[in-house]
N, C-alpha and C. Protein backbone atom coordinates (compact mmCIF):
# COMPACT_ATOMS: atom_id res chain seq x y z
N MET A 1 -35.68 21.89 29.02
CA MET A 1 -34.36 22.09 27.63
C MET A 1 -33.21 20.85 27.96
N GLY A 2 -32.86 20.13 26.82
CA GLY A 2 -31.70 19.03 27.43
C GLY A 2 -30.53 19.97 26.80
N HIS A 3 -29.42 19.17 27.24
CA HIS A 3 -27.76 19.73 26.72
C HIS A 3 -27.48 19.02 25.94
N SER A 4 -27.21 19.56 24.89
CA SER A 4 -26.45 19.11 23.85
C SER A 4 -24.83 18.75 23.83
N ARG A 5 -24.51 17.65 23.88
CA ARG A 5 -22.96 17.21 24.06
C ARG A 5 -22.62 16.74 22.45
N GLN A 6 -21.66 16.91 22.05
CA GLN A 6 -20.87 16.60 20.92
C GLN A 6 -19.42 15.79 21.46
N THR A 7 -19.23 15.16 21.01
CA THR A 7 -18.29 14.05 21.16
C THR A 7 -17.20 13.80 20.15
N MET A 8 -15.96 14.09 19.96
CA MET A 8 -15.32 13.70 19.29
C MET A 8 -14.56 12.57 19.61
N HIS A 9 -14.70 11.43 18.23
CA HIS A 9 -14.00 10.46 18.26
C HIS A 9 -12.66 10.43 17.81
N LEU A 10 -11.75 9.83 18.52
CA LEU A 10 -10.38 10.07 17.92
C LEU A 10 -10.14 8.59 17.12
N PRO A 11 -9.34 8.37 16.29
CA PRO A 11 -8.73 7.42 15.63
C PRO A 11 -8.38 6.52 17.00
N LEU A 12 -8.21 5.17 16.58
CA LEU A 12 -7.03 4.42 17.73
C LEU A 12 -5.71 4.30 17.33
N HIS A 13 -5.58 4.56 16.05
CA HIS A 13 -4.21 4.23 15.86
C HIS A 13 -3.80 5.53 14.35
N ASP A 14 -2.80 6.08 14.08
CA ASP A 14 -2.61 6.41 13.12
C ASP A 14 -2.57 5.45 11.66
N ASP A 15 -3.24 6.01 10.64
CA ASP A 15 -3.96 5.11 9.62
C ASP A 15 -2.56 5.35 8.26
N SER A 16 -1.69 5.92 8.67
CA SER A 16 -0.75 6.01 7.68
C SER A 16 0.26 4.91 7.97
N ARG A 17 0.20 4.39 9.09
CA ARG A 17 1.30 3.03 8.89
C ARG A 17 0.50 1.89 9.43
N PRO A 18 0.68 0.34 9.19
CA PRO A 18 0.38 -0.47 9.89
C PRO A 18 0.01 -0.92 11.29
N LEU A 19 -0.64 -1.52 11.98
CA LEU A 19 -1.05 -2.00 13.08
C LEU A 19 0.09 -2.62 13.48
N HIS A 20 0.64 -2.49 14.85
CA HIS A 20 2.04 -3.38 15.10
C HIS A 20 1.44 -4.55 15.73
N THR A 21 1.18 -5.49 15.26
CA THR A 21 0.37 -6.86 16.07
C THR A 21 1.46 -8.22 16.15
N THR A 22 0.83 -9.23 16.74
CA THR A 22 1.45 -10.10 17.16
C THR A 22 1.76 -10.74 15.51
N TYR A 23 0.50 -11.06 14.88
CA TYR A 23 0.70 -11.28 13.65
C TYR A 23 1.60 -10.93 12.58
N SER A 24 1.61 -9.30 12.79
CA SER A 24 2.43 -8.70 11.95
C SER A 24 4.02 -8.59 11.99
N ALA A 25 3.99 -8.95 13.26
CA ALA A 25 5.66 -8.81 14.06
C ALA A 25 6.04 -10.09 13.11
N GLY A 26 5.36 -11.23 12.99
CA GLY A 26 6.11 -12.70 12.44
C GLY A 26 5.94 -12.76 11.08
N ALA A 27 4.90 -11.75 10.41
CA ALA A 27 4.80 -12.12 8.69
C ALA A 27 6.00 -12.12 7.89
N GLY A 28 6.99 -10.95 8.11
CA GLY A 28 8.07 -11.04 7.61
C GLY A 28 8.12 -9.45 6.36
N THR A 29 8.96 -9.81 5.89
CA THR A 29 8.89 -8.52 5.11
C THR A 29 7.63 -8.42 3.46
N PRO A 30 7.05 -7.59 3.22
CA PRO A 30 6.08 -7.91 2.48
C PRO A 30 7.00 -8.00 0.89
N LEU A 31 6.31 -9.22 0.00
CA LEU A 31 6.84 -9.55 -0.90
C LEU A 31 7.14 -8.12 -1.77
N GLY A 32 6.12 -7.07 -2.05
CA GLY A 32 6.64 -5.92 -3.11
C GLY A 32 6.12 -6.31 -4.37
N LEU A 33 4.85 -7.46 -4.48
CA LEU A 33 4.77 -7.95 -6.07
C LEU A 33 3.71 -6.66 -6.49
N GLY A 34 3.73 -6.30 -7.66
CA GLY A 34 2.72 -5.11 -8.09
C GLY A 34 1.61 -6.43 -8.95
N PRO A 35 0.60 -5.35 -9.08
CA PRO A 35 -0.34 -6.01 -10.15
C PRO A 35 -0.09 -6.47 -10.96
N LEU A 36 -1.13 -7.57 -11.63
CA LEU A 36 -0.85 -8.58 -12.74
C LEU A 36 -1.35 -7.68 -13.79
N ALA A 37 -0.50 -8.06 -14.98
CA ALA A 37 -0.72 -7.19 -16.13
C ALA A 37 -1.63 -8.06 -17.47
N GLY A 38 -1.86 -7.63 -17.94
CA GLY A 38 -2.71 -8.16 -19.21
C GLY A 38 -3.86 -9.23 -18.76
N HIS A 39 -4.36 -10.23 -19.48
CA HIS A 39 -5.08 -10.93 -19.44
C HIS A 39 -4.73 -12.33 -18.59
N GLN A 40 -5.55 -12.78 -17.35
CA GLN A 40 -4.86 -13.74 -16.96
C GLN A 40 -6.27 -14.85 -16.79
N ARG A 41 -5.94 -15.82 -16.87
CA ARG A 41 -6.72 -17.11 -16.52
C ARG A 41 -6.80 -17.58 -15.16
N ALA A 42 -7.69 -18.19 -14.44
CA ALA A 42 -7.52 -19.12 -13.31
C ALA A 42 -8.53 -20.09 -13.09
N ASP A 43 -8.68 -21.35 -12.90
CA ASP A 43 -9.79 -21.84 -11.89
C ASP A 43 -10.22 -21.33 -10.82
N VAL A 44 -9.23 -21.12 -9.97
CA VAL A 44 -10.02 -20.31 -8.88
C VAL A 44 -9.13 -19.11 -8.34
N ALA A 45 -9.86 -18.28 -7.72
CA ALA A 45 -9.36 -16.76 -7.28
C ALA A 45 -9.87 -16.62 -5.90
N ILE A 46 -8.85 -16.66 -4.68
CA ILE A 46 -9.18 -16.27 -3.75
C ILE A 46 -8.79 -14.86 -3.32
N VAL A 47 -9.96 -14.26 -2.94
CA VAL A 47 -9.44 -12.86 -2.55
C VAL A 47 -9.84 -12.88 -1.07
N GLY A 48 -8.27 -12.36 -0.32
CA GLY A 48 -8.27 -12.19 0.85
C GLY A 48 -7.23 -13.15 1.54
N GLY A 49 -6.22 -12.81 2.40
CA GLY A 49 -5.54 -13.30 2.91
C GLY A 49 -5.62 -13.77 4.74
N GLY A 50 -6.80 -13.66 5.15
CA GLY A 50 -7.64 -13.96 6.06
C GLY A 50 -7.79 -15.64 6.71
N ILE A 51 -8.46 -15.24 8.15
CA ILE A 51 -8.35 -16.99 8.27
C ILE A 51 -9.30 -17.54 7.33
N THR A 52 -10.24 -16.69 6.65
CA THR A 52 -11.15 -17.83 5.54
C THR A 52 -10.28 -17.83 4.40
N GLY A 53 -9.63 -16.79 4.11
CA GLY A 53 -9.11 -16.92 2.67
C GLY A 53 -7.94 -18.23 2.77
N CYS A 54 -7.03 -18.18 4.17
CA CYS A 54 -6.33 -18.91 3.52
C CYS A 54 -6.73 -20.50 4.22
N SER A 55 -7.57 -20.66 4.66
CA SER A 55 -8.42 -21.81 4.89
C SER A 55 -8.83 -22.60 3.48
N THR A 56 -9.57 -21.74 2.67
CA THR A 56 -10.04 -21.77 1.54
C THR A 56 -8.91 -22.06 0.60
N ALA A 57 -8.28 -21.20 1.15
CA ALA A 57 -6.87 -22.10 -0.38
C ALA A 57 -6.05 -23.30 0.37
N LEU A 58 -6.29 -23.85 1.67
CA LEU A 58 -5.55 -25.19 1.83
C LEU A 58 -6.50 -26.04 1.55
N ARG A 59 -8.04 -26.05 1.66
CA ARG A 59 -8.75 -27.05 1.23
C ARG A 59 -8.79 -27.02 -0.12
N PHE A 60 -8.22 -26.02 -0.78
CA PHE A 60 -8.81 -26.18 -2.32
C PHE A 60 -7.36 -26.53 -2.94
N VAL A 61 -6.30 -26.33 -2.23
CA VAL A 61 -5.05 -27.46 -2.63
C VAL A 61 -5.06 -29.01 -2.12
N ALA A 62 -5.87 -29.07 -1.03
CA ALA A 62 -5.63 -30.65 -0.47
C ALA A 62 -6.68 -31.33 -1.02
N LYS A 63 -7.18 -30.88 -1.96
CA LYS A 63 -8.22 -31.57 -2.81
C LYS A 63 -7.78 -31.75 -4.35
N ARG A 64 -6.98 -31.38 -4.36
CA ARG A 64 -6.64 -31.41 -6.05
C ARG A 64 -5.73 -32.64 -6.26
């Protein structure tokens, strides 16, 4: 007969506040902008501000 083990996985951090990382320490104060209102039109929309979103935005601006 095998033994049954139950493992409790605890979160690595408290999800109610953001992680304190080197990036977040140098990021500055959030802008506090609200959602866009009404109908918006754009040629390009980049969702996300990670390395992929930022490099895509830089490439797009450089080609204009």
